[in-house]
Each structure stands twice: as structure tokens, then as C-alpha cells.
């Protein structure tokens, strides 16, 4: 997903628009996680970037997406760019102690 979201909508309150954007991102992540991983992979990992625009997007962890969106909202920006790329990954085994 590579998309620029607008945080203003004439038909919605700003808080509702932010909730809508977060929900759409959550649906995308869930849809990608439901896909069967490639052979040799255990799960889907995500490379995420977020920023005011594509050129200034910074790398964030998937768990930090909502916090990053909240920072964009508090800074007063009307839109932001998000990029979420799914990649197959394999869990590392823990050392038994």
C-alpha cells in the first residue's frame, strides 16, 4: 500500500476522518496477514514508512503507525503519506537456557 491520506473531509468531523484512516490501514494489515506466506516463511512482516509526503517519509515499525498518525494530526497537517510493504519472514528460534 502506497497512499496519501487526507485528514480533512467536508462530510466528516476531523476525528472521524482520522478513525476512518486508521481503520482502513488496520483492514489492509489484516488482509495481508491472512494470505498464506511463501514457502519457507512463517509470517508476513511489514516495511513501513510515514511522512508528510513520499520524499520525506521515515521508516517506522508497524506497531508505531497509529502513534505516527497521531503526531501528524497534532502537527496540523491536512494529509500524510504512508507506505506499507508486506514481506515474508521467518521467526528466529529462542536459545533455551
C-alpha atoms as a PDB file:
ATOM      1  CA  UNK A   1       0.000   0.000   0.000  1.00  0.00           C
ATOM      2  CA  UNK A   2       1.391   3.340  -1.041  1.00  0.00           C
ATOM      3  CA  UNK A   3      -1.151   6.026  -0.417  1.00  0.00           C
ATOM      4  CA  UNK A   4      -1.645   9.637   0.595  1.00  0.00           C
ATOM      5  CA  UNK A   5      -4.489  10.067   3.070  1.00  0.00           C
ATOM      6  CA  UNK A   6      -6.350  13.332   3.578  1.00  0.00           C
ATOM      7  CA  UNK A   7      -7.258  14.159   7.164  1.00  0.00           C
ATOM      8  CA  UNK A   8      -9.977  16.611   6.196  1.00  0.00           C
ATOM      9  CA  UNK A   9     -13.330  15.760   4.655  1.00  0.00           C
ATOM     10  CA  UNK A  10     -16.233  18.195   4.273  1.00  0.00           C
ATOM     11  CA  UNK A  11     -18.731  15.461   5.215  1.00  0.00           C
ATOM     12  CA  UNK A  12     -16.913  14.151   8.316  1.00  0.00           C
ATOM     13  CA  UNK A  13     -15.614  15.589  11.552  1.00  0.00           C
ATOM     14  CA  UNK A  14     -11.792  15.558  11.680  1.00  0.00           C
ATOM     15  CA  UNK A  15     -11.727  12.979  14.490  1.00  0.00           C
ATOM     16  CA  UNK A  16     -13.979  10.626  12.490  1.00  0.00           C
ATOM     17  CA  UNK A  17     -11.756  11.001   9.414  1.00  0.00           C
ATOM     18  CA  UNK A  18      -8.690  10.048  11.468  1.00  0.00           C
ATOM     19  CA  UNK A  19     -10.523   6.977  12.796  1.00  0.00           C
ATOM     20  CA  UNK A  20     -11.531   6.074   9.240  1.00  0.00           C
ATOM     21  CA  UNK A  21      -7.911   6.262   8.055  1.00  0.00           C
ATOM     22  CA  UNK A  22      -6.638   4.146  10.960  1.00  0.00           C
ATOM     23  CA  UNK A  23      -9.371   1.585  10.323  1.00  0.00           C
ATOM     24  CA  UNK A  24      -8.513   1.355   6.618  1.00  0.00           C
ATOM     25  CA  UNK A  25      -4.848   0.729   7.461  1.00  0.00           C
ATOM     26  CA  UNK A  26      -5.832  -1.888  10.038  1.00  0.00           C
ATOM     27  CA  UNK A  27      -8.025  -3.662   7.456  1.00  0.00           C
ATOM     28  CA  UNK A  28      -5.153  -3.687   4.952  1.00  0.00           C
ATOM     29  CA  UNK A  29      -2.751  -5.204   7.515  1.00  0.00           C
ATOM     30  CA  UNK A  30      -5.288  -7.880   8.473  1.00  0.00           C
ATOM     31  CA  UNK A  31      -5.942  -8.728   4.823  1.00  0.00           C
ATOM     32  CA  UNK A  32      -2.210  -9.112   4.134  1.00  0.00           C
ATOM     33  CA  UNK A  33      -1.679 -11.253   7.247  1.00  0.00           C
ATOM     34  CA  UNK A  34      -4.439 -13.645   6.145  1.00  0.00           C
ATOM     35  CA  UNK A  35      -2.549 -14.509   2.973  1.00  0.00           C
ATOM     36  CA  UNK A  36      -0.538 -17.719   3.036  1.00  0.00           C
ATOM     37  CA  UNK A  37       3.175 -16.917   3.441  1.00  0.00           C
ATOM     38  CA  UNK A  38       5.593 -18.106   0.797  1.00  0.00           C
ATOM     39  CA  UNK A  39       7.352 -21.432   1.206  1.00  0.00           C
ATOM     40  CA  UNK A  40       9.994 -21.213   3.923  1.00  0.00           C
ATOM     41  CA  UNK A  41       8.341 -18.254   5.683  1.00  0.00           C
ATOM     42  CA  UNK A  42       6.306 -18.323   8.908  1.00  0.00           C
ATOM     43  CA  UNK A  43       4.534 -14.976   8.761  1.00  0.00           C
ATOM     44  CA  UNK A  44       4.278 -11.632   6.988  1.00  0.00           C
ATOM     45  CA  UNK A  45       6.486  -8.786   8.161  1.00  0.00           C
ATOM     46  CA  UNK A  46       5.944  -5.194   7.059  1.00  0.00           C
ATOM     47  CA  UNK A  47       8.258  -2.405   5.939  1.00  0.00           C
ATOM     48  CA  UNK A  48       6.515   0.852   6.838  1.00  0.00           C
ATOM     49  CA  UNK A  49       7.214   4.490   6.062  1.00  0.00           C
ATOM     50  CA  UNK A  50       5.154   7.525   7.020  1.00  0.00           C
ATOM     51  CA  UNK A  51       5.581  11.232   6.412  1.00  0.00           C
ATOM     52  CA  UNK A  52       4.079  14.418   5.024  1.00  0.00           C
ATOM     53  CA  UNK A  53       4.949  13.288   1.508  1.00  0.00           C
ATOM     54  CA  UNK A  54       6.709  10.390  -0.172  1.00  0.00           C
ATOM     55  CA  UNK A  55      10.096  12.111  -0.332  1.00  0.00           C
ATOM     56  CA  UNK A  56      10.179  12.887   3.406  1.00  0.00           C
ATOM     57  CA  UNK A  57       8.702   9.610   4.715  1.00  0.00           C
ATOM     58  CA  UNK A  58      10.634   7.965   7.540  1.00  0.00           C
ATOM     59  CA  UNK A  59      10.786   4.313   8.484  1.00  0.00           C
ATOM     60  CA  UNK A  60       8.552   3.241  11.383  1.00  0.00           C
ATOM     61  CA  UNK A  61       7.697  -0.093  12.947  1.00  0.00           C
ATOM     62  CA  UNK A  62       4.242  -1.449  12.157  1.00  0.00           C
ATOM     63  CA  UNK A  63       3.264  -1.101  15.837  1.00  0.00           C
ATOM     64  CA  UNK A  64       4.086   2.624  15.728  1.00  0.00           C
ATOM     65  CA  UNK A  65       1.789   3.528  12.813  1.00  0.00           C
ATOM     66  CA  UNK A  66      -1.080   4.855  14.956  1.00  0.00           C
ATOM     67  CA  UNK A  67       1.298   6.939  17.091  1.00  0.00           C
ATOM     68  CA  UNK A  68       2.820   8.398  13.926  1.00  0.00           C
ATOM     69  CA  UNK A  69      -0.635   9.263  12.575  1.00  0.00           C
ATOM     70  CA  UNK A  70      -1.466  10.977  15.884  1.00  0.00           C
ATOM     71  CA  UNK A  71       1.740  13.032  15.578  1.00  0.00           C
ATOM     72  CA  UNK A  72       0.717  14.116  12.078  1.00  0.00           C
ATOM     73  CA  UNK A  73      -2.710  15.150  13.389  1.00  0.00           C
ATOM     74  CA  UNK A  74      -1.259  17.164  16.282  1.00  0.00           C
ATOM     75  CA  UNK A  75       1.169  18.915  13.924  1.00  0.00           C
ATOM     76  CA  UNK A  76      -1.838  20.236  11.996  1.00  0.00           C
ATOM     77  CA  UNK A  77      -1.065  18.691   8.612  1.00  0.00           C
ATOM     78  CA  UNK A  78      -4.028  18.037   6.324  1.00  0.00           C
ATOM     79  CA  UNK A  79      -2.595  14.920   4.696  1.00  0.00           C
ATOM     80  CA  UNK A  80       0.145  12.323   5.067  1.00  0.00           C
ATOM     81  CA  UNK A  81       1.807   9.609   3.000  1.00  0.00           C
ATOM     82  CA  UNK A  82       2.057   6.006   4.171  1.00  0.00           C
ATOM     83  CA  UNK A  83       3.803   3.077   2.576  1.00  0.00           C
ATOM     84  CA  UNK A  84       3.308  -0.475   3.857  1.00  0.00           C
ATOM     85  CA  UNK A  85       5.063  -3.288   2.012  1.00  0.00           C
ATOM     86  CA  UNK A  86       4.487  -6.904   3.090  1.00  0.00           C
ATOM     87  CA  UNK A  87       7.442  -9.269   3.036  1.00  0.00           C
ATOM     88  CA  UNK A  88       7.698 -12.928   4.055  1.00  0.00           C
ATOM     89  CA  UNK A  89       9.687 -13.573   7.231  1.00  0.00           C
ATOM     90  CA  UNK A  90      10.806 -16.459   9.394  1.00  0.00           C
ATOM     91  CA  UNK A  91      10.803 -16.475  13.176  1.00  0.00           C
ATOM     92  CA  UNK A  92      14.166 -16.899  14.876  1.00  0.00           C
ATOM     93  CA  UNK A  93      14.426 -19.717  17.400  1.00  0.00           C
ATOM     94  CA  UNK A  94      14.999 -18.761  21.013  1.00  0.00           C
ATOM     95  CA  UNK A  95      18.077 -20.101  22.851  1.00  0.00           C
ATOM     96  CA  UNK A  96      16.974 -22.496  25.611  1.00  0.00           C
ATOM     97  CA  UNK A  97      18.576 -21.614  28.956  1.00  0.00           C
END
